[in-house]
Protein backbone atom coordinates (compact mmCIF):
# COMPACT_ATOMS: atom_id res chain seq x y z
CA MET A 1 33.95 16.42 17.91
CA ARG A 2 32.45 18.29 14.63
CA LEU A 3 31.74 15.56 12.97
CA THR A 4 30.06 13.85 15.85
CA HIS A 5 27.92 16.89 16.61
CA LEU A 6 26.53 17.04 12.99
CA ALA A 7 25.73 13.34 12.81
CA MET A 8 23.82 13.88 16.00
CA ILE A 9 21.79 16.73 14.41
CA ALA A 10 21.04 14.55 11.38
CA ILE A 11 19.97 11.82 13.65
CA LEU A 12 17.59 14.36 14.94
CA PHE A 13 16.33 15.58 12.12
CA LEU A 14 15.55 12.67 10.94
CA LEU A 15 13.74 11.65 13.98
CA GLN A 16 11.47 14.78 13.21
CA THR A 17 11.05 14.18 10.11
CA PHE A 18 10.17 10.20 9.92
CA LEU A 19 6.74 10.10 8.48
CA LEU A 20 7.09 6.59 6.78
CA GLU A 21 3.53 5.60 5.40
CA ALA A 22 4.16 1.60 5.39
CA LYS A 23 2.86 -0.47 7.64
CA PRO A 24 3.74 -3.97 8.71
CA THR A 25 2.41 -6.73 6.64
CA PHE A 26 -1.03 -7.73 8.93
CA ALA A 27 -1.82 -4.20 9.41
CA ARG A 28 -1.68 -3.24 5.67
CA LEU A 29 -3.91 -6.73 4.82
CA TYR A 30 -6.50 -5.74 7.56
CA LYS A 31 -7.16 -2.46 6.31
CA GLN A 32 -7.22 -3.80 2.70
CA GLN A 33 -9.75 -6.51 3.82
CA PHE A 34 -11.95 -4.20 6.18
CA GLY A 35 -10.93 -1.07 4.99
CA TYR A 36 -9.53 0.97 8.04
CA MET A 37 -6.19 0.76 9.45
CA PRO A 38 -6.04 -0.81 12.85
CA SER A 39 -3.86 -0.31 15.74
CA CYS A 40 -1.11 -2.77 16.80
CA LEU A 41 -3.58 -3.74 19.84
CA SER A 42 -5.57 -5.87 17.39
CA CYS A 43 -2.89 -8.63 17.00
CA HIS A 44 -0.48 -8.00 20.34
CA ALA A 45 -1.21 -7.96 23.78
CA ASP A 46 0.57 -4.72 24.75
CA GLY A 47 1.44 -2.76 21.70
CA GLY A 48 3.86 -3.77 18.56
CA GLY A 49 6.62 -5.79 19.12
CA SER A 50 5.24 -7.57 22.24
CA PRO A 51 3.23 -11.17 22.16
CA LEU A 52 0.61 -11.68 20.00
CA ASN A 53 -2.97 -11.85 21.32
CA ASN A 54 -5.07 -14.59 20.18
CA TYR A 55 -6.56 -13.12 17.73
CA GLY A 56 -2.87 -12.51 16.27
CA LYS A 57 -1.84 -15.98 16.54
CA ALA A 58 -4.60 -17.03 15.06
CA PHE A 59 -3.88 -14.83 11.75
CA LYS A 60 -0.76 -15.88 12.15
CA ASP A 61 -1.76 -19.97 12.26
CA ASN A 62 -4.06 -19.98 9.67
CA GLY A 63 -1.65 -18.45 6.87
CA ASN A 64 -0.46 -15.16 7.71
CA ASN A 65 -1.89 -13.54 4.35
CA LEU A 66 -5.48 -12.10 3.28
CA ALA A 67 -7.08 -15.65 2.92
CA ALA A 68 -6.52 -16.07 6.56
CA PHE A 69 -9.42 -13.66 7.50
CA ALA A 70 -11.78 -15.29 6.25
CA LYS A 71 -10.49 -18.58 7.96
CA ILE A 72 -10.46 -17.00 11.26
CA ALA A 73 -13.72 -14.70 10.70
CA ALA A 74 -16.19 -17.12 12.52
CA MET A 75 -14.01 -17.53 15.71
CA ASP A 76 -14.43 -15.91 18.57
CA SER A 77 -10.55 -15.19 19.67
CA ASP A 78 -10.92 -12.79 22.64
CA GLY A 79 -13.85 -14.43 24.02
CA ASP A 80 -16.15 -12.00 24.40
CA GLY A 81 -19.07 -13.06 22.35
CA ALA A 82 -18.73 -11.83 18.69
CA THR A 83 -17.20 -13.16 16.20
CA ASN A 84 -13.91 -11.75 14.83
CA GLU A 85 -15.08 -11.00 11.55
CA ALA A 86 -18.21 -8.77 13.50
CA GLU A 87 -15.61 -7.01 15.41
CA ALA A 88 -13.75 -6.24 12.43
CA LYS A 89 -16.20 -4.68 10.72
CA ALA A 90 -17.71 -2.99 13.58
CA LYS A 91 -14.67 -1.34 14.44
CA SER A 92 -13.96 -3.05 17.68
CA ASN A 93 -10.90 -4.81 18.59
CA PRO A 94 -11.05 -8.50 17.63
CA GLY A 95 -8.40 -8.96 20.22
CA SER A 96 -9.65 -7.82 23.30
CA LYS A 97 -12.43 -9.06 24.96
CA ASN A 98 -12.91 -5.29 26.75
CA SER A 99 -13.49 -4.36 22.79
CA THR A 100 -17.56 -5.37 21.60
CA PRO A 101 -18.82 -4.15 18.55
CA GLY A 102 -21.36 -2.22 20.71
CA LYS A 103 -18.34 -0.56 22.75
CA ALA A 104 -15.34 -0.85 20.60
CA GLY A 105 -13.44 1.66 23.16
CA ASN A 106 -10.33 3.66 22.80
CA TRP A 107 -8.10 0.90 21.08
CA LEU A 108 -7.96 3.00 18.01
CA GLU A 109 -6.35 6.30 19.43
CA THR A 110 -3.11 6.77 19.92
CA SER A 111 -3.28 7.49 23.27
CA SER A 112 -4.78 3.96 24.02
CA LEU A 113 -1.27 2.37 21.85
CA ILE A 114 1.35 3.50 24.19
CA PRO A 115 2.40 0.38 26.56
CA LYS A 116 2.73 0.98 30.07
CA GLU A 117 6.43 0.30 30.31
CA VAL A 118 7.11 2.33 27.61
CA GLN A 119 5.25 5.64 29.19
CA SER A 120 7.12 4.56 32.09
CA ALA A 121 10.58 5.11 30.42
CA PHE A 122 8.96 8.74 29.35
CA PRO A 123 7.14 9.55 32.32
CA LYS A 124 7.06 13.66 31.94
CA ASN A 125 5.99 12.84 27.80
CA GLN A 126 1.77 12.55 26.90
CA THR A 127 2.58 13.34 22.96
CA TRP A 128 3.31 10.18 21.54
CA GLN A 129 4.36 9.56 17.51
CA LEU A 130 3.76 5.87 16.37
CA LYS A 131 5.87 4.82 13.29
CA ASP A 132 5.28 1.56 12.11
CA ALA A 133 7.17 0.33 9.23
CA ILE A 134 8.59 -2.62 7.17
CA LEU A 135 12.21 -3.31 6.29
CA THR A 136 12.41 -2.97 2.64
CA PRO A 137 15.72 -5.04 0.71
CA ALA A 138 17.96 -1.70 1.16
CA ASP A 139 17.65 -1.83 4.67
CA ILE A 140 18.52 -5.29 5.47
CA GLU A 141 21.72 -4.98 3.27
CA THR A 142 22.60 -1.56 4.78
CA ALA A 143 22.18 -3.50 8.48
CA LYS A 144 24.02 -6.41 7.28
CA LYS A 145 27.01 -3.89 6.72
CA MET A 146 26.47 -2.53 9.82
CA GLY A 147 27.11 -6.28 11.41
CA ALA A 148 23.61 -6.67 12.03
CA ALA A 149 21.00 -10.14 10.50
CA LEU A 150 17.14 -8.10 10.16
CA SER A 151 15.02 -9.66 7.91
CA ALA A 152 11.35 -8.63 7.16
CA ALA A 153 9.78 -10.24 9.92
CA ASP A 154 11.42 -7.97 11.58
CA GLU A 155 8.70 -5.31 11.17
CA ASN A 156 7.76 -3.41 14.62
CA THR A 157 6.41 -0.05 15.81
CA ILE A 158 8.58 2.34 16.79
CA TYR A 159 7.37 4.69 20.23
CA ILE A 160 8.29 8.33 19.65
CA PRO A 161 8.03 10.71 22.61
CA LEU A 162 7.71 14.51 21.88
CA GLU A 163 8.59 17.23 23.89
CA ASN A 164 7.13 21.11 22.66
CA GLN A 165 6.52 18.50 19.79
CA TYR A 166 10.11 17.64 19.03
CA PRO A 167 11.22 13.83 19.46
CA ALA A 168 12.69 13.28 23.04
CA GLY A 169 13.64 9.96 22.55
CA THR A 170 12.92 6.43 21.05
CA ALA A 171 11.29 2.85 22.98
CA LEU A 172 11.03 -0.16 20.89
CA ILE A 173 9.81 -3.96 22.05
CA PHE A 174 11.76 -6.69 20.17
CA PRO A 175 11.79 -10.38 20.88
CA ALA A 176 14.94 -12.54 21.56
CA THR A 177 15.07 -16.18 20.93
CA PHE A 178 16.89 -18.57 22.92
CA GLN A 179 16.80 -22.13 23.06
CA GLY A 180 13.81 -22.28 20.92
CA LYS A 181 11.88 -19.93 23.50
CA THR A 182 10.91 -16.29 23.05
CA PHE A 183 11.37 -13.38 25.30
CA TYR A 184 10.62 -9.58 24.82
CA LEU A 185 12.93 -6.64 25.81
CA LEU A 186 12.51 -3.26 25.90
CA LEU A 187 15.04 -0.81 24.59
CA THR A 188 14.70 2.83 25.47
CA THR A 189 16.92 6.01 23.43
CA ASP A 190 17.41 9.59 24.00
CA LYS A 191 16.49 11.87 20.90
CA GLN A 192 20.55 11.20 20.00
CA LEU A 193 19.53 7.37 19.74
CA LYS A 194 22.26 6.95 22.88
CA ILE A 195 20.71 3.92 24.76
CA GLN A 196 18.82 4.86 28.09
CA GLN A 197 17.92 1.42 29.20
CA VAL A 198 17.53 -2.05 28.03
CA GLN A 199 14.90 -4.28 30.04
CA VAL A 200 13.15 -7.51 30.26
CA LEU A 201 9.10 -6.88 29.18
CA ASP A 202 8.07 -10.60 29.12
CA ALA A 203 10.21 -13.35 30.32
CA ARG A 204 7.63 -16.03 30.79
CA GLU A 205 9.57 -18.45 28.30
CA VAL A 206 12.78 -17.71 29.55
CA PRO A 207 12.94 -16.58 33.22
CA ALA A 208 16.56 -16.55 33.32
CA ALA A 209 16.61 -14.13 31.09
CA LYS A 210 15.01 -11.61 34.09
CA SER A 211 18.43 -11.93 35.72
CA SER A 212 21.13 -11.43 33.47
CA LYS A 213 23.35 -9.05 34.04
CA VAL A 214 24.39 -8.01 30.77
CA TYR A 215 21.39 -5.39 30.56
CA SER A 216 23.20 -2.63 32.44
CA THR A 217 26.14 -2.89 29.93
CA PHE A 218 24.20 -1.30 27.21
CA THR A 219 23.43 2.12 29.31
CA GLY A 220 24.99 5.03 27.06
CA GLN A 221 26.27 3.51 24.32
CA GLN A 222 24.67 4.54 20.64
CA ALA A 223 21.52 1.97 19.72
CA GLN A 224 23.44 1.44 16.11
CA THR A 225 27.31 1.29 17.00
CA LEU A 226 27.19 -1.78 19.68
CA PRO A 227 29.83 -4.32 18.82
CA ALA A 228 28.95 -7.74 17.71
CA LYS A 229 28.93 -10.71 20.55
CA PRO A 230 29.00 -13.72 18.55
CA GLY A 231 27.89 -16.89 20.67
CA THR A 232 24.74 -19.07 21.92
CA GLY A 233 24.73 -17.83 25.52
CA LEU A 234 21.90 -16.34 27.14
CA ASP A 235 23.77 -13.13 27.60
CA GLU A 236 24.85 -13.65 23.77
CA ILE A 237 21.84 -13.79 22.53
CA ILE A 238 20.37 -11.00 24.42
CA HIS A 239 23.66 -8.88 22.95
CA THR A 240 22.72 -9.63 19.63
CA ALA A 241 18.99 -8.99 19.93
CA VAL A 242 19.69 -5.32 21.49
CA LYS A 243 22.33 -5.09 18.33
CA ASN A 244 19.82 -6.12 15.87
CA ALA A 245 17.31 -3.65 17.69
CA GLY A 246 19.35 -0.83 17.53
CA VAL A 247 20.35 -1.07 14.16
CA LEU A 248 16.82 -1.07 13.10
CA LEU A 249 15.97 1.96 14.70
CA TYR A 250 18.92 3.74 13.01
CA VAL A 251 17.99 2.41 9.52
CA ARG A 252 14.46 2.93 9.93
CA LEU A 253 15.06 6.46 10.87
CA LYS A 254 18.10 6.90 8.44
CA GLY A 255 15.59 5.88 5.31
CA ALA A 256 13.01 7.79 6.25
């Protein structure tokens, strides 16, 4: 009992001290190209881990590297009348038609970066930390030992609600792929990484994911210790995606 209590204290401490500076590849390259760090809304429709917007898709389709910015510079990915390059240089969002060089909006402010579903999961919390991180080879190896198959492609954003400046939990948006089609889930935990809820965020490509009964089975379990559930059925795919997400949370926070 005492060991478990100490482990929970350690996780809470790690949540409080999670100050990793590493950013996903896109954000790091964007800063290198334009001189400032963008928000995840530049390439994602609704925050880190959610589906790519048209700008994010264009970047990915044109090489997903530094050279891609030049290839998509003259495009107007968000259809607001300004080119991608003009928007980026003016610090407006090239991925949103609501942000233009003359009226950039608050897309770079933390308050605008929390998806509404994440906010709804923690309705009492007004202050947040956003932690974008990459997985190092050591992280990937640790995850493997914990039964999770992670790779550098699993870069993501961890949303951390704060209460009196202390972490109150975590939230993570992540994809799952079933028969070649992708849908997105939202995992929320308490400050001890005990799962509060897993819910569907976007299942337009896999409508059946909305009616799965597996989501309720995760509630109350520790995110990092979900058992493996091999298989290719939809429920098994969901279980594996949630397990990977839980291990990702633990590994990134533990490694901070």
